[in-house]
Amino acid sequence: MSYDPRLADRVRTLLARSCIFEEKKMFGGVAYMVNGKMCCGVVKTDLVLRLGEDGARAALTRQDTRPMDFTGRPMKSMIYVAAAGTKVDRDLEKWLLLAIAFAKQTVVR
């Protein structure tokens, strides 16, 4: 299993309530693009969020998070949220809204 299909379905449903997005296979999982930029994704059972450096630094103080280190080097603008942090839709939606806000403010060049 490359990614949790139930989590991906939940992410898809919640994103559809808030924005227009595209879905792409990425990182051995699935990524969701907003405003032409990666917003979030699912890898194995983790939620991946692109929050920018400041947003990621703040998010990493919260429980169930860790730096995204897919390549062996932590990415300063992205984090993983473990399954325990996304069990409840309300919690998942809060995370997604942070990533959506960042994606919408990021200019595509």
N, C-alpha and C. Protein backbone atom coordinates (compact mmCIF):
# COMPACT_ATOMS: atom_id res chain seq x y z
N MET A 1 0.85 -1.18 0.00
CA MET A 1 0.00 0.00 0.00
C MET A 1 0.89 1.24 0.00
N SER A 2 0.77 2.08 -1.03
CA SER A 2 1.57 3.29 -1.09
C SER A 2 0.95 4.43 -0.31
N TYR A 3 -0.36 4.42 -0.18
CA TYR A 3 -1.01 5.43 0.64
C TYR A 3 -2.37 4.93 1.09
N ASP A 4 -2.86 5.50 2.18
CA ASP A 4 -4.13 5.10 2.77
C ASP A 4 -5.28 5.67 1.92
N PRO A 5 -6.00 4.82 1.20
CA PRO A 5 -7.07 5.33 0.33
C PRO A 5 -8.22 5.98 1.11
N ARG A 6 -8.46 5.54 2.33
CA ARG A 6 -9.53 6.17 3.13
C ARG A 6 -9.15 7.60 3.51
N LEU A 7 -7.90 7.80 3.91
CA LEU A 7 -7.45 9.16 4.22
C LEU A 7 -7.50 10.02 2.96
N ALA A 8 -7.07 9.48 1.84
CA ALA A 8 -7.12 10.22 0.57
C ALA A 8 -8.55 10.62 0.23
N ASP A 9 -9.52 9.73 0.43
CA ASP A 9 -10.92 10.06 0.18
C ASP A 9 -11.41 11.17 1.10
N ARG A 10 -11.02 11.11 2.37
CA ARG A 10 -11.42 12.14 3.34
C ARG A 10 -10.81 13.49 2.95
N VAL A 11 -9.55 13.49 2.55
CA VAL A 11 -8.89 14.73 2.12
C VAL A 11 -9.61 15.29 0.90
N ARG A 12 -9.88 14.45 -0.08
CA ARG A 12 -10.58 14.86 -1.31
C ARG A 12 -11.92 15.51 -0.98
N THR A 13 -12.68 14.88 -0.10
CA THR A 13 -14.01 15.38 0.27
C THR A 13 -13.91 16.74 0.95
N LEU A 14 -12.98 16.87 1.89
CA LEU A 14 -12.84 18.13 2.62
C LEU A 14 -12.28 19.24 1.73
N LEU A 15 -11.36 18.90 0.84
CA LEU A 15 -10.84 19.91 -0.08
C LEU A 15 -11.95 20.44 -0.99
N ALA A 16 -12.81 19.55 -1.46
CA ALA A 16 -13.88 19.94 -2.38
C ALA A 16 -14.82 20.97 -1.75
N ARG A 17 -14.90 20.99 -0.44
CA ARG A 17 -15.74 21.98 0.26
C ARG A 17 -15.12 23.37 0.26
N SER A 18 -13.80 23.44 0.09
CA SER A 18 -13.08 24.70 0.30
C SER A 18 -12.41 25.29 -0.92
N CYS A 19 -12.13 24.46 -1.94
CA CYS A 19 -11.35 24.98 -3.06
C CYS A 19 -11.45 24.07 -4.28
N ILE A 20 -10.90 24.57 -5.36
CA ILE A 20 -10.74 23.77 -6.57
C ILE A 20 -9.33 23.19 -6.52
N PHE A 21 -9.19 21.91 -6.83
CA PHE A 21 -7.90 21.25 -6.71
C PHE A 21 -7.71 20.23 -7.81
N GLU A 22 -6.46 19.84 -8.00
CA GLU A 22 -6.10 18.75 -8.90
C GLU A 22 -5.42 17.67 -8.07
N GLU A 23 -5.54 16.45 -8.51
CA GLU A 23 -4.92 15.33 -7.81
C GLU A 23 -3.84 14.73 -8.71
N LYS A 24 -2.67 14.46 -8.12
CA LYS A 24 -1.56 13.87 -8.88
C LYS A 24 -0.86 12.83 -8.03
N LYS A 25 -0.35 11.81 -8.67
CA LYS A 25 0.49 10.82 -7.99
C LYS A 25 1.85 11.47 -7.73
N MET A 26 2.32 11.38 -6.49
CA MET A 26 3.57 12.01 -6.13
C MET A 26 4.08 11.42 -4.82
N PHE A 27 5.39 11.41 -4.61
CA PHE A 27 6.00 10.93 -3.36
C PHE A 27 5.63 9.49 -3.04
N GLY A 28 5.27 8.70 -4.00
CA GLY A 28 4.82 7.35 -3.72
C GLY A 28 3.43 7.34 -3.11
N GLY A 29 2.76 8.45 -3.22
CA GLY A 29 1.40 8.59 -2.67
C GLY A 29 0.58 9.44 -3.61
N VAL A 30 -0.25 10.29 -3.04
CA VAL A 30 -1.09 11.18 -3.83
C VAL A 30 -0.92 12.59 -3.30
N ALA A 31 -0.88 13.56 -4.23
CA ALA A 31 -0.74 14.97 -3.87
C ALA A 31 -1.94 15.73 -4.42
N TYR A 32 -2.28 16.79 -3.71
CA TYR A 32 -3.39 17.65 -4.12
C TYR A 32 -2.83 19.04 -4.39
N MET A 33 -3.11 19.55 -5.58
CA MET A 33 -2.60 20.84 -6.03
C MET A 33 -3.71 21.88 -5.93
N VAL A 34 -3.37 23.03 -5.36
CA VAL A 34 -4.28 24.17 -5.27
C VAL A 34 -3.53 25.37 -5.81
N ASN A 35 -4.17 26.13 -6.67
CA ASN A 35 -3.54 27.32 -7.24
C ASN A 35 -2.26 26.94 -8.00
N GLY A 36 -2.24 25.74 -8.57
CA GLY A 36 -1.08 25.30 -9.34
C GLY A 36 0.10 24.83 -8.52
N LYS A 37 -0.04 24.81 -7.20
CA LYS A 37 1.06 24.41 -6.31
C LYS A 37 0.62 23.26 -5.42
N MET A 38 1.58 22.46 -5.00
CA MET A 38 1.24 21.39 -4.07
C MET A 38 0.73 22.00 -2.77
N CYS A 39 -0.38 21.49 -2.32
CA CYS A 39 -1.02 21.95 -1.08
C CYS A 39 -0.84 20.91 0.02
N CYS A 40 -1.18 19.68 -0.31
CA CYS A 40 -1.15 18.61 0.68
C CYS A 40 -1.10 17.28 -0.05
N GLY A 41 -1.03 16.21 0.72
CA GLY A 41 -1.00 14.89 0.12
C GLY A 41 -1.11 13.81 1.17
N VAL A 42 -1.06 12.59 0.71
CA VAL A 42 -1.11 11.43 1.58
C VAL A 42 0.01 10.48 1.15
N VAL A 43 0.86 10.12 2.10
CA VAL A 43 1.92 9.14 1.89
C VAL A 43 1.79 8.11 3.01
N LYS A 44 1.58 6.87 2.63
CA LYS A 44 1.29 5.79 3.58
C LYS A 44 0.09 6.21 4.42
N THR A 45 0.25 6.34 5.73
CA THR A 45 -0.89 6.75 6.57
C THR A 45 -0.74 8.19 7.06
N ASP A 46 0.26 8.91 6.52
CA ASP A 46 0.52 10.29 6.94
C ASP A 46 -0.10 11.31 6.00
N LEU A 47 -0.54 12.40 6.59
CA LEU A 47 -0.94 13.58 5.83
C LEU A 47 0.32 14.40 5.61
N VAL A 48 0.51 14.90 4.40
CA VAL A 48 1.63 15.78 4.07
C VAL A 48 1.04 17.16 3.85
N LEU A 49 1.65 18.17 4.47
CA LEU A 49 1.17 19.54 4.31
C LEU A 49 2.30 20.45 3.86
N ARG A 50 2.00 21.33 2.93
CA ARG A 50 2.94 22.38 2.53
C ARG A 50 2.45 23.66 3.18
N LEU A 51 3.23 24.18 4.11
CA LEU A 51 2.80 25.32 4.92
C LEU A 51 3.74 26.51 4.84
N GLY A 52 4.81 26.41 4.09
CA GLY A 52 5.83 27.45 4.10
C GLY A 52 6.70 27.29 5.33
N GLU A 53 7.84 27.96 5.33
CA GLU A 53 8.78 27.78 6.44
C GLU A 53 8.20 28.20 7.78
N ASP A 54 7.57 29.36 7.84
CA ASP A 54 7.02 29.84 9.11
C ASP A 54 5.87 28.95 9.58
N GLY A 55 4.99 28.60 8.66
CA GLY A 55 3.86 27.75 9.02
C GLY A 55 4.29 26.37 9.47
N ALA A 56 5.29 25.82 8.79
CA ALA A 56 5.79 24.49 9.16
C ALA A 56 6.45 24.53 10.53
N ARG A 57 7.24 25.57 10.77
CA ARG A 57 7.91 25.70 12.07
C ARG A 57 6.87 25.77 13.19
N ALA A 58 5.82 26.54 13.00
CA ALA A 58 4.76 26.65 14.01
C ALA A 58 4.02 25.32 14.17
N ALA A 59 3.72 24.66 13.07
CA ALA A 59 2.98 23.39 13.12
C ALA A 59 3.77 22.30 13.83
N LEU A 60 5.08 22.34 13.70
CA LEU A 60 5.91 21.29 14.30
C LEU A 60 5.91 21.34 15.83
N THR A 61 5.34 22.37 16.41
CA THR A 61 5.21 22.41 17.87
C THR A 61 3.99 21.62 18.33
N ARG A 62 3.16 21.21 17.39
CA ARG A 62 1.93 20.49 17.72
C ARG A 62 2.16 18.98 17.72
N GLN A 63 1.32 18.31 18.48
CA GLN A 63 1.40 16.86 18.61
C GLN A 63 1.15 16.18 17.26
N ASP A 64 1.75 15.02 17.09
CA ASP A 64 1.57 14.15 15.92
C ASP A 64 2.18 14.70 14.63
N THR A 65 3.11 15.66 14.74
CA THR A 65 3.77 16.20 13.55
C THR A 65 5.26 15.88 13.58
N ARG A 66 5.84 15.90 12.37
CA ARG A 66 7.29 15.77 12.25
C ARG A 66 7.68 16.36 10.90
N PRO A 67 8.95 16.75 10.77
CA PRO A 67 9.38 17.33 9.49
C PRO A 67 9.23 16.31 8.36
N MET A 68 8.91 16.79 7.20
CA MET A 68 8.88 15.91 6.03
C MET A 68 10.33 15.69 5.60
N ASP A 69 10.76 14.46 5.66
CA ASP A 69 12.14 14.13 5.32
C ASP A 69 12.18 13.02 4.28
N PHE A 70 11.33 13.13 3.31
CA PHE A 70 11.17 12.10 2.28
C PHE A 70 12.49 11.78 1.59
N THR A 71 13.32 12.78 1.40
CA THR A 71 14.58 12.58 0.69
C THR A 71 15.75 12.30 1.64
N GLY A 72 15.46 12.21 2.95
CA GLY A 72 16.53 12.02 3.93
C GLY A 72 16.98 13.34 4.53
N ARG A 73 16.54 14.44 3.94
CA ARG A 73 16.82 15.78 4.45
C ARG A 73 15.50 16.47 4.74
N PRO A 74 15.33 17.01 5.94
CA PRO A 74 14.05 17.68 6.25
C PRO A 74 13.77 18.83 5.28
N MET A 75 12.52 18.92 4.86
CA MET A 75 12.09 20.02 4.00
C MET A 75 11.52 21.10 4.91
N LYS A 76 12.03 22.30 4.81
CA LYS A 76 11.68 23.37 5.74
C LYS A 76 10.22 23.82 5.63
N SER A 77 9.60 23.61 4.49
CA SER A 77 8.26 24.15 4.29
C SER A 77 7.15 23.09 4.36
N MET A 78 7.54 21.83 4.62
CA MET A 78 6.55 20.76 4.59
C MET A 78 6.65 19.89 5.84
N ILE A 79 5.51 19.35 6.25
CA ILE A 79 5.48 18.48 7.44
C ILE A 79 4.64 17.24 7.16
N TYR A 80 4.84 16.24 8.01
CA TYR A 80 3.96 15.08 8.07
C TYR A 80 3.08 15.24 9.31
N VAL A 81 1.84 14.83 9.20
CA VAL A 81 0.96 14.69 10.35
C VAL A 81 0.60 13.20 10.42
N ALA A 82 0.92 12.57 11.54
CA ALA A 82 0.66 11.14 11.73
C ALA A 82 -0.84 10.88 11.77
N ALA A 83 -1.21 9.64 11.53
CA ALA A 83 -2.61 9.23 11.50
C ALA A 83 -3.38 9.64 12.76
N ALA A 84 -2.72 9.60 13.91
CA ALA A 84 -3.38 9.98 15.16
C ALA A 84 -3.85 11.43 15.13
N GLY A 85 -3.19 12.27 14.36
CA GLY A 85 -3.56 13.69 14.27
C GLY A 85 -4.64 14.00 13.26
N THR A 86 -5.09 12.97 12.52
CA THR A 86 -6.12 13.20 11.50
C THR A 86 -7.31 12.26 11.64
N LYS A 87 -7.42 11.59 12.78
CA LYS A 87 -8.52 10.63 12.98
C LYS A 87 -9.89 11.28 12.89
N VAL A 88 -10.00 12.47 13.44
CA VAL A 88 -11.28 13.20 13.49
C VAL A 88 -11.32 14.18 12.32
N ASP A 89 -12.43 14.20 11.58
CA ASP A 89 -12.55 15.09 10.42
C ASP A 89 -12.29 16.55 10.79
N ARG A 90 -12.73 16.98 11.95
CA ARG A 90 -12.54 18.37 12.38
C ARG A 90 -11.05 18.70 12.44
N ASP A 91 -10.24 17.77 12.97
CA ASP A 91 -8.80 17.98 13.05
C ASP A 91 -8.16 17.96 11.66
N LEU A 92 -8.57 17.02 10.84
CA LEU A 92 -8.06 16.95 9.46
C LEU A 92 -8.39 18.24 8.72
N GLU A 93 -9.61 18.72 8.87
CA GLU A 93 -10.02 19.95 8.17
C GLU A 93 -9.19 21.15 8.63
N LYS A 94 -8.89 21.26 9.91
CA LYS A 94 -8.06 22.36 10.40
C LYS A 94 -6.69 22.35 9.73
N TRP A 95 -6.09 21.16 9.63
CA TRP A 95 -4.81 21.05 8.96
C TRP A 95 -4.91 21.46 7.50
N LEU A 96 -5.94 20.96 6.83
CA LEU A 96 -6.09 21.25 5.40
C LEU A 96 -6.31 22.74 5.15
N LEU A 97 -7.06 23.39 6.01
CA LEU A 97 -7.30 24.83 5.82
C LEU A 97 -6.01 25.64 5.91
N LEU A 98 -5.09 25.22 6.77
CA LEU A 98 -3.78 25.89 6.83
C LEU A 98 -3.04 25.75 5.51
N ALA A 99 -3.03 24.53 4.96
CA ALA A 99 -2.33 24.28 3.70
C ALA A 99 -3.01 24.99 2.53
N ILE A 100 -4.33 25.02 2.52
CA ILE A 100 -5.06 25.72 1.46
C ILE A 100 -4.74 27.21 1.50
N ALA A 101 -4.75 27.79 2.68
CA ALA A 101 -4.45 29.22 2.82
C ALA A 101 -3.05 29.52 2.29
N PHE A 102 -2.08 28.67 2.60
CA PHE A 102 -0.73 28.90 2.09
C PHE A 102 -0.70 28.77 0.57
N ALA A 103 -1.33 27.76 0.03
CA ALA A 103 -1.33 27.55 -1.43
C ALA A 103 -2.00 28.72 -2.16
N LYS A 104 -3.05 29.26 -1.58
CA LYS A 104 -3.76 30.37 -2.24
C LYS A 104 -2.95 31.66 -2.20
N GLN A 105 -2.09 31.82 -1.22
CA GLN A 105 -1.29 33.05 -1.15
C GLN A 105 -0.01 32.96 -1.96
N THR A 106 0.36 31.75 -2.38
CA THR A 106 1.59 31.53 -3.12
C THR A 106 1.36 31.85 -4.60
N VAL A 107 2.20 32.68 -5.16
CA VAL A 107 2.07 33.09 -6.55
C VAL A 107 2.71 32.05 -7.46
N VAL A 108 1.98 31.68 -8.51
CA VAL A 108 2.51 30.75 -9.51
C VAL A 108 3.25 31.55 -10.55
N ARG A 109 4.49 31.15 -10.84
CA ARG A 109 5.29 31.87 -11.85
C ARG A 109 5.60 30.98 -13.01
